[in-house]
């Protein structure tokens, strides 16, 4: 929900980590292994300097040979800056076209040909005609400018919409997940003092759309969990495998069909070979390790992959013992998952928003 960004006034900043190249060949018999280079952490860089107002929720993307892109809430809408030297320096921040006004939840990806897609949520209209929907700005010159802006409007006005994620497939193929509900008025939010927001009632649904022309047009809204329009799903990060498989992780809360009241929920994983047909029964991940409470923050849950195609998912649960962050991985495309590993050693009740990043595997 877009008002939450007003809670943060910190400048958008990045820290660049440069990793020196390491030898990839196997050592000869009896010789010591090659040294492992350590990341070199540079000083923090303020990339939102010159943009007025708040700056928050920065998202990043990398593209060869040395491009780093950053997108955040700020600059009078959605801010953007790019680096051409692996994050050592950034150019002047700009406002992403089409984002002026009520815009929130940035998401960014880079296509195989180097095209940059800067997505975000946007709201327009008033009262019963108010709609919230994703917008995608397109840059064909490595982020120097954005010459196309595509609005992904819902079928009818008056809807609720939130948190988008975007990922590029092959060619001009894009996949976009977002939180969608037919009725804005049915959604009730609850916001923690000094924290973020969550939901107590509503027609929440994790949905996905596909585009085959770089976001110019989008296919139908497909709900990822059963029970639409009271599926209870939201927050659906995704990854696209080189072969075209699309993998999604999302939160889901059972929803009372009479009152719209949400109940403690779980993380779910679902996968599609082409990103257009989805299983009727997504996989519930480790329900025995605790539930997602109604106070669960909107940003919980993450999915990533490495160069070998292994999948990694993270989330946190709330139990009487406290809030616990978890990691689980799959080596077979999500068919089976490892027992969850606890990654937060403390025992308090503060939210543990855990994220993951797969790396390039090093041969030996």
Protein backbone atom coordinates (compact mmCIF):
# COMPACT_ATOMS: atom_id res chain seq x y z
CA UNK A 1 0.00 0.00 0.00
CA UNK A 2 1.66 3.16 -1.17
CA UNK A 3 1.37 5.41 1.97
CA UNK A 4 3.96 3.24 3.77
CA UNK A 5 6.86 4.86 1.90
CA UNK A 6 6.23 8.08 3.83
CA UNK A 7 7.64 6.34 6.87
CA UNK A 8 11.20 6.46 5.51
CA UNK A 9 13.28 9.55 4.86
CA UNK A 10 16.70 7.97 4.37
CA UNK A 11 18.69 8.70 1.22
CA UNK A 12 19.02 5.88 -1.25
CA UNK A 13 22.56 4.57 -1.03
CA UNK A 14 24.58 1.66 -2.38
CA UNK A 15 27.74 -0.13 -1.37
CA UNK A 16 29.73 -1.58 -4.25
CA UNK A 17 31.40 -4.96 -3.75
CA UNK A 18 34.14 -5.78 -6.26
CA UNK A 19 35.37 -9.36 -6.44
CA UNK A 20 38.70 -9.99 -8.14
CA UNK A 21 38.84 -12.79 -10.70
CA UNK A 22 39.94 -16.14 -9.34
CA UNK A 23 41.61 -18.97 -11.20
CA UNK A 24 39.08 -21.52 -12.43
CA UNK A 25 41.38 -24.34 -13.46
CA UNK A 26 42.11 -27.28 -11.18
CA UNK A 27 45.48 -27.21 -9.40
CA UNK A 28 48.10 -29.75 -10.42
CA UNK A 29 48.77 -32.68 -8.15
CA UNK A 30 50.66 -31.62 -5.02
CA UNK A 31 50.31 -27.90 -5.66
CA UNK A 32 48.44 -25.64 -3.22
CA UNK A 33 44.95 -24.49 -4.19
CA UNK A 34 44.69 -21.05 -5.79
CA UNK A 35 44.03 -18.19 -3.35
CA UNK A 36 40.43 -17.10 -2.84
CA UNK A 37 40.01 -13.39 -3.41
CA UNK A 38 37.99 -11.47 -0.85
CA UNK A 39 35.33 -8.91 -1.82
CA UNK A 40 36.53 -5.33 -1.66
CA UNK A 41 33.87 -3.10 -0.11
CA UNK A 42 33.92 0.50 -1.32
CA UNK A 43 32.61 3.50 0.63
CA UNK A 44 28.86 4.10 0.61
CA UNK A 45 27.63 6.28 -2.26
CA UNK A 46 24.60 8.57 -2.05
CA UNK A 47 22.91 7.94 -5.39
CA UNK A 48 19.77 10.02 -4.73
CA UNK A 49 21.54 13.35 -4.21
CA UNK A 50 19.68 16.10 -6.02
CA UNK A 51 16.27 14.41 -5.67
CA UNK A 52 13.92 16.09 -3.26
CA UNK A 53 11.72 14.26 -0.78
CA UNK A 54 12.02 10.84 0.77
CA UNK A 55 14.07 7.96 -0.65
CA UNK A 56 13.34 4.34 0.24
CA UNK A 57 13.00 0.73 -0.95
CA UNK A 58 15.92 0.65 -3.39
CA UNK A 59 16.06 -2.25 -5.88
CA UNK A 60 19.10 -3.15 -8.02
CA UNK A 61 20.00 -5.00 -11.20
CA UNK A 62 23.30 -5.79 -12.95
CA UNK A 63 24.08 -6.25 -16.64
CA UNK A 64 27.31 -6.95 -18.55
CA UNK A 65 29.82 -5.62 -18.96
CA UNK A 66 29.72 -3.30 -15.91
CA UNK A 67 26.26 -1.76 -15.62
CA UNK A 68 24.54 -1.41 -12.24
CA UNK A 69 21.00 -0.01 -12.09
CA UNK A 70 19.15 1.24 -9.02
CA UNK A 71 15.48 2.18 -8.66
CA UNK A 72 13.74 3.49 -5.56
CA UNK A 73 10.77 5.44 -4.21
CA UNK A 74 11.80 9.10 -4.49
CA UNK A 75 12.45 11.98 -6.89
CA UNK A 76 8.76 12.91 -6.83
CA UNK A 77 7.74 9.40 -7.88
CA UNK A 78 10.24 6.65 -8.66
CA UNK A 79 13.95 7.51 -8.77
CA UNK A 80 16.55 5.85 -10.99
CA UNK A 81 20.32 6.02 -11.34
CA UNK A 82 22.89 3.95 -13.22
CA UNK A 83 26.57 3.10 -12.99
CA UNK A 84 28.74 2.05 -15.93
CA UNK A 85 31.72 0.95 -13.80
CA UNK A 86 30.30 -1.79 -11.54
CA UNK A 87 28.97 0.65 -8.97
CA UNK A 88 32.12 2.69 -8.41
CA UNK A 89 30.33 5.84 -9.60
CA UNK A 90 26.73 6.72 -10.44
CA UNK A 91 25.28 9.28 -12.79
CA UNK A 92 22.71 11.88 -11.79
CA UNK A 93 19.44 10.55 -10.44
CA UNK A 94 16.32 10.94 -12.56
CA UNK A 95 12.57 10.51 -12.14
CA UNK A 96 11.31 7.49 -14.07
CA UNK A 97 8.81 8.72 -16.69
CA UNK A 98 5.19 7.99 -15.80
CA UNK A 99 5.89 7.73 -12.07
CA UNK A 100 5.06 11.26 -10.98
CA UNK A 101 2.44 11.25 -8.26
CA UNK A 102 1.35 8.23 -6.19
CA UNK A 103 3.87 5.55 -7.20
CA UNK A 104 5.51 2.90 -5.02
CA UNK A 105 7.11 -0.58 -4.96
CA UNK A 106 9.90 -0.38 -7.58
CA UNK A 107 11.05 -3.54 -9.37
CA UNK A 108 13.73 -3.79 -12.05
CA UNK A 109 15.11 -6.34 -14.50
CA UNK A 110 17.34 -6.44 -17.58
CA UNK A 111 16.51 -8.39 -20.73
CA UNK A 112 18.94 -10.63 -22.60
CA UNK A 113 19.65 -7.84 -25.11
CA UNK A 114 20.42 -5.27 -22.41
CA UNK A 115 17.01 -3.57 -22.35
CA UNK A 116 16.22 -2.15 -18.91
CA UNK A 117 12.69 -2.55 -17.54
CA UNK A 118 11.86 -0.32 -14.55
CA UNK A 119 8.52 -1.30 -13.04
CA UNK A 120 6.49 0.20 -10.21
CA UNK A 121 2.96 0.42 -8.84
CA UNK A 122 0.86 3.48 -9.62
CA UNK A 123 -2.59 4.75 -8.60
CA UNK A 124 -5.04 6.89 -10.53
CA UNK A 125 -8.67 7.97 -10.19
CA UNK A 126 -10.71 8.72 -7.11
CA UNK A 127 -13.25 6.98 -4.90
CA UNK A 128 -14.99 4.12 -6.73
CA UNK A 129 -12.93 4.66 -9.89
CA UNK A 130 -9.57 4.50 -8.14
CA UNK A 131 -7.26 1.83 -9.56
CA UNK A 132 -3.80 0.59 -8.61
CA UNK A 133 -1.75 -1.15 -11.29
CA UNK A 134 1.81 -1.83 -12.47
CA UNK A 135 3.64 0.45 -14.90
CA UNK A 136 6.76 -0.53 -16.84
CA UNK A 137 9.21 2.05 -18.24
CA UNK A 138 11.58 0.77 -20.95
CA UNK A 139 15.13 1.88 -21.75
CA UNK A 140 16.92 0.68 -24.89
CA UNK A 141 20.15 2.59 -24.19
CA UNK A 142 21.33 0.94 -20.96
CA UNK A 143 19.38 3.25 -18.66
CA UNK A 144 20.50 6.57 -20.18
CA UNK A 145 16.85 7.37 -20.99
CA UNK A 146 13.40 5.79 -20.90
CA UNK A 147 11.48 6.26 -24.13
CA UNK A 148 8.50 3.95 -23.54
CA UNK A 149 6.02 3.74 -20.66
CA UNK A 150 3.44 0.93 -20.56
CA UNK A 151 0.54 0.87 -18.10
CA UNK A 152 -0.80 -2.55 -17.14
CA UNK A 153 -4.34 -1.52 -16.20
CA UNK A 154 -6.75 -3.97 -14.52
CA UNK A 155 -9.95 -5.16 -16.21
CA UNK A 156 -12.18 -2.74 -14.24
CA UNK A 157 -11.63 0.35 -12.03
CA UNK A 158 -11.94 0.28 -8.25
CA UNK A 159 -9.42 -2.51 -7.71
CA UNK A 160 -6.78 -2.96 -5.02
CA UNK A 161 -3.18 -3.51 -6.14
CA UNK A 162 0.24 -3.71 -4.51
CA UNK A 163 3.79 -5.10 -4.67
CA UNK A 164 5.00 -5.91 -8.18
CA UNK A 165 7.95 -8.10 -9.20
CA UNK A 166 9.30 -8.35 -12.75
CA UNK A 167 11.65 -10.81 -14.48
CA UNK A 168 12.87 -11.10 -18.07
CA UNK A 169 12.72 -14.29 -20.10
CA UNK A 170 13.96 -15.03 -23.59
CA UNK A 171 13.87 -12.33 -26.26
CA UNK A 172 11.27 -9.67 -25.40
CA UNK A 173 9.46 -11.93 -22.94
CA UNK A 174 8.58 -10.50 -19.52
CA UNK A 175 6.80 -11.92 -16.48
CA UNK A 176 5.13 -9.67 -13.92
CA UNK A 177 3.64 -10.66 -10.57
CA UNK A 178 1.62 -8.33 -8.38
CA UNK A 179 -0.98 -8.33 -5.62
CA UNK A 180 -4.48 -7.88 -7.03
CA UNK A 181 -7.98 -7.62 -5.60
CA UNK A 182 -11.16 -6.71 -7.49
CA UNK A 183 -12.31 -4.37 -4.68
CA UNK A 184 -10.15 -1.66 -3.11
CA UNK A 185 -12.78 -1.12 -0.43
CA UNK A 186 -12.61 -4.73 0.75
CA UNK A 187 -8.97 -4.44 1.88
CA UNK A 188 -8.19 -3.36 5.46
CA UNK A 189 -4.59 -2.52 6.33
CA UNK A 190 -2.82 -2.52 9.67
CA UNK A 191 0.39 -0.54 10.11
CA UNK A 192 2.93 -1.01 12.90
CA UNK A 193 4.24 2.04 14.72
CA UNK A 194 7.66 2.74 13.27
CA UNK A 195 7.36 -0.19 10.89
CA UNK A 196 5.59 -1.37 7.78
CA UNK A 197 2.04 -2.46 7.00
CA UNK A 198 0.12 -5.70 6.62
CA UNK A 199 -3.49 -6.75 6.09
CA UNK A 200 -6.33 -7.95 8.31
CA UNK A 201 -9.15 -8.31 5.74
CA UNK A 202 -9.48 -8.30 1.98
CA UNK A 203 -9.64 -9.92 -1.42
CA UNK A 204 -5.90 -10.51 -1.70
CA UNK A 205 -4.53 -12.53 -4.62
CA UNK A 206 -1.04 -13.20 -5.97
CA UNK A 207 -1.32 -12.94 -9.76
CA UNK A 208 1.00 -13.16 -12.76
CA UNK A 209 0.92 -11.76 -16.29
CA UNK A 210 3.15 -12.39 -19.29
CA UNK A 211 4.23 -10.13 -22.14
CA UNK A 212 5.85 -11.23 -25.37
CA UNK A 213 6.65 -7.74 -26.66
CA UNK A 214 8.66 -6.08 -23.93
CA UNK A 215 5.69 -4.89 -21.87
CA UNK A 216 3.78 -3.15 -24.67
CA UNK A 217 0.82 -5.46 -24.03
CA UNK A 218 0.12 -7.98 -21.29
CA UNK A 219 -1.73 -11.26 -21.19
CA UNK A 220 -4.62 -12.01 -18.83
CA UNK A 221 -4.33 -11.85 -15.06
CA UNK A 222 -3.70 -15.42 -13.82
CA UNK A 223 -4.14 -16.11 -10.10
CA UNK A 224 -1.42 -18.33 -8.66
CA UNK A 225 -3.33 -19.80 -5.72
CA UNK A 226 -6.79 -21.43 -5.47
CA UNK A 227 -9.77 -19.59 -3.99
CA UNK A 228 -9.85 -16.48 -6.19
CA UNK A 229 -10.95 -13.77 -5.39
CA UNK A 230 -10.22 -14.68 -1.75
CA UNK A 231 -6.98 -16.51 -2.36
CA UNK A 232 -5.16 -14.68 0.44
CA UNK A 233 -1.93 -14.39 -1.58
CA UNK A 234 0.49 -11.48 -1.83
CA UNK A 235 4.21 -10.74 -2.21
CA UNK A 236 5.26 -13.01 -5.10
CA UNK A 237 8.96 -12.71 -6.10
CA UNK A 238 9.93 -14.80 -9.13
CA UNK A 239 12.87 -16.07 -11.18
CA UNK A 240 13.06 -17.28 -14.78
CA UNK A 241 15.33 -20.20 -15.68
CA UNK A 242 17.35 -20.20 -18.95
CA UNK A 243 15.00 -22.83 -20.38
CA UNK A 244 11.94 -20.66 -19.75
CA UNK A 245 10.64 -22.17 -16.51
CA UNK A 246 9.12 -19.58 -14.16
CA UNK A 247 9.34 -20.15 -10.38
CA UNK A 248 7.36 -18.10 -7.85
CA UNK A 249 7.31 -17.87 -4.05
CA UNK A 250 4.39 -16.14 -2.32
CA UNK A 251 2.66 -15.62 1.04
CA UNK A 252 -0.89 -16.86 1.48
CA UNK A 253 -3.37 -16.43 4.34
CA UNK A 254 -6.61 -18.43 4.57
CA UNK A 255 -9.50 -15.99 4.14
CA UNK A 256 -12.97 -16.22 5.67
CA UNK A 257 -15.44 -16.20 2.76
CA UNK A 258 -18.10 -14.34 4.76
CA UNK A 259 -16.10 -11.62 6.47
CA UNK A 260 -12.88 -11.47 4.43
CA UNK A 261 -10.92 -11.95 7.68
CA UNK A 262 -7.39 -13.25 7.14
CA UNK A 263 -5.86 -16.00 9.27
CA UNK A 264 -2.20 -16.92 9.93
CA UNK A 265 -0.69 -18.33 6.75
CA UNK A 266 2.30 -19.98 5.07
CA UNK A 267 4.80 -19.69 2.24
CA UNK A 268 3.96 -21.39 -1.05
CA UNK A 269 6.04 -22.33 -4.10
CA UNK A 270 4.67 -22.79 -7.60
CA UNK A 271 6.30 -23.35 -10.98
CA UNK A 272 5.33 -23.32 -14.66
CA UNK A 273 7.38 -24.68 -17.60
CA UNK A 274 6.42 -21.70 -19.80
CA UNK A 275 4.94 -19.24 -17.29
CA UNK A 276 1.42 -19.42 -18.72
CA UNK A 277 -0.14 -22.58 -17.22
CA UNK A 278 0.10 -23.01 -13.46
CA UNK A 279 -0.57 -25.91 -11.06
CA UNK A 280 -3.95 -26.01 -9.34
CA UNK A 281 -2.28 -26.90 -6.03
CA UNK A 282 0.93 -24.95 -5.22
CA UNK A 283 3.36 -26.52 -2.75
CA UNK A 284 3.11 -25.42 0.88
CA UNK A 285 6.63 -25.03 2.31
CA UNK A 286 7.35 -26.50 5.73
CA UNK A 287 4.13 -25.67 7.62
CA UNK A 288 5.52 -27.38 10.73
CA UNK A 289 8.03 -24.59 11.24
CA UNK A 290 5.51 -21.92 12.17
CA UNK A 291 3.02 -19.57 10.56
CA UNK A 292 3.00 -16.10 9.07
CA UNK A 293 1.05 -13.96 11.51
CA UNK A 294 -1.45 -11.27 10.50
CA UNK A 295 1.19 -8.71 11.46
CA UNK A 296 3.59 -10.24 8.92
CA UNK A 297 5.22 -7.50 6.86
CA UNK A 298 4.39 -7.12 3.19
CA UNK A 299 7.99 -7.75 2.02
CA UNK A 300 8.56 -11.15 3.64
CA UNK A 301 9.80 -13.99 1.43
CA UNK A 302 12.43 -14.14 -1.31
CA UNK A 303 13.53 -16.50 -4.08
CA UNK A 304 16.81 -16.62 -6.01
CA UNK A 305 18.85 -18.99 -8.15
CA UNK A 306 22.49 -19.63 -8.99
CA UNK A 307 24.31 -20.50 -12.21
CA UNK A 308 23.70 -24.22 -11.65
CA UNK A 309 19.94 -23.66 -11.47
CA UNK A 310 19.58 -24.35 -7.75
CA UNK A 311 16.71 -22.49 -6.09
CA UNK A 312 16.89 -20.74 -2.71
CA UNK A 313 13.91 -19.44 -0.74
CA UNK A 314 13.83 -17.44 2.50
CA UNK A 315 11.03 -16.37 4.83
CA UNK A 316 10.34 -15.87 8.52
CA UNK A 317 7.74 -17.29 10.89
CA UNK A 318 6.28 -16.10 14.17
CA UNK A 319 6.02 -18.57 17.06
CA UNK A 320 5.90 -18.42 20.84
CA UNK A 321 9.71 -18.73 20.74
CA UNK A 322 10.02 -15.57 18.67
CA UNK A 323 10.43 -14.54 15.04
CA UNK A 324 12.69 -16.91 13.09
CA UNK A 325 14.26 -16.47 9.63
CA UNK A 326 14.58 -19.61 7.45
CA UNK A 327 16.39 -20.76 4.30
CA UNK A 328 15.54 -23.79 2.15
CA UNK A 329 17.01 -24.87 -1.19
CA UNK A 330 16.11 -27.13 -4.10
CA UNK A 331 18.45 -28.83 -6.55
CA UNK A 332 15.72 -30.21 -8.83
CA UNK A 333 13.68 -27.20 -9.92
CA UNK A 334 11.47 -27.08 -6.84
CA UNK A 335 10.26 -30.69 -6.88
CA UNK A 336 11.92 -31.35 -3.50
CA UNK A 337 13.29 -28.97 -0.88
CA UNK A 338 15.92 -29.23 1.83
CA UNK A 339 14.93 -29.13 5.47
CA UNK A 340 14.75 -25.44 6.41
CA UNK A 341 17.86 -23.96 7.97
CA UNK A 342 17.46 -21.40 10.72
CA UNK A 343 19.53 -18.35 9.74
CA UNK A 344 18.70 -15.97 12.61
CA UNK A 345 20.25 -16.97 15.96
CA UNK A 346 18.47 -14.46 18.22
CA UNK A 347 15.20 -15.12 20.07
CA UNK A 348 13.28 -11.84 19.93
CA UNK A 349 10.00 -10.93 18.24
CA UNK A 350 11.38 -8.37 15.78
CA UNK A 351 10.64 -9.17 12.10
CA UNK A 352 13.53 -10.91 10.33
CA UNK A 353 13.25 -9.99 6.66
CA UNK A 354 15.71 -12.45 5.10
CA UNK A 355 16.74 -12.35 1.44
CA UNK A 356 18.97 -14.60 -0.65
CA UNK A 357 21.25 -14.26 -3.69
CA UNK A 358 22.63 -17.15 -5.72
CA UNK A 359 26.22 -16.82 -6.93
CA UNK A 360 28.39 -17.99 -9.81
CA UNK A 361 29.72 -21.46 -9.04
CA UNK A 362 33.50 -21.74 -9.00
CA UNK A 363 35.02 -24.79 -10.65
CA UNK A 364 38.01 -26.53 -9.09
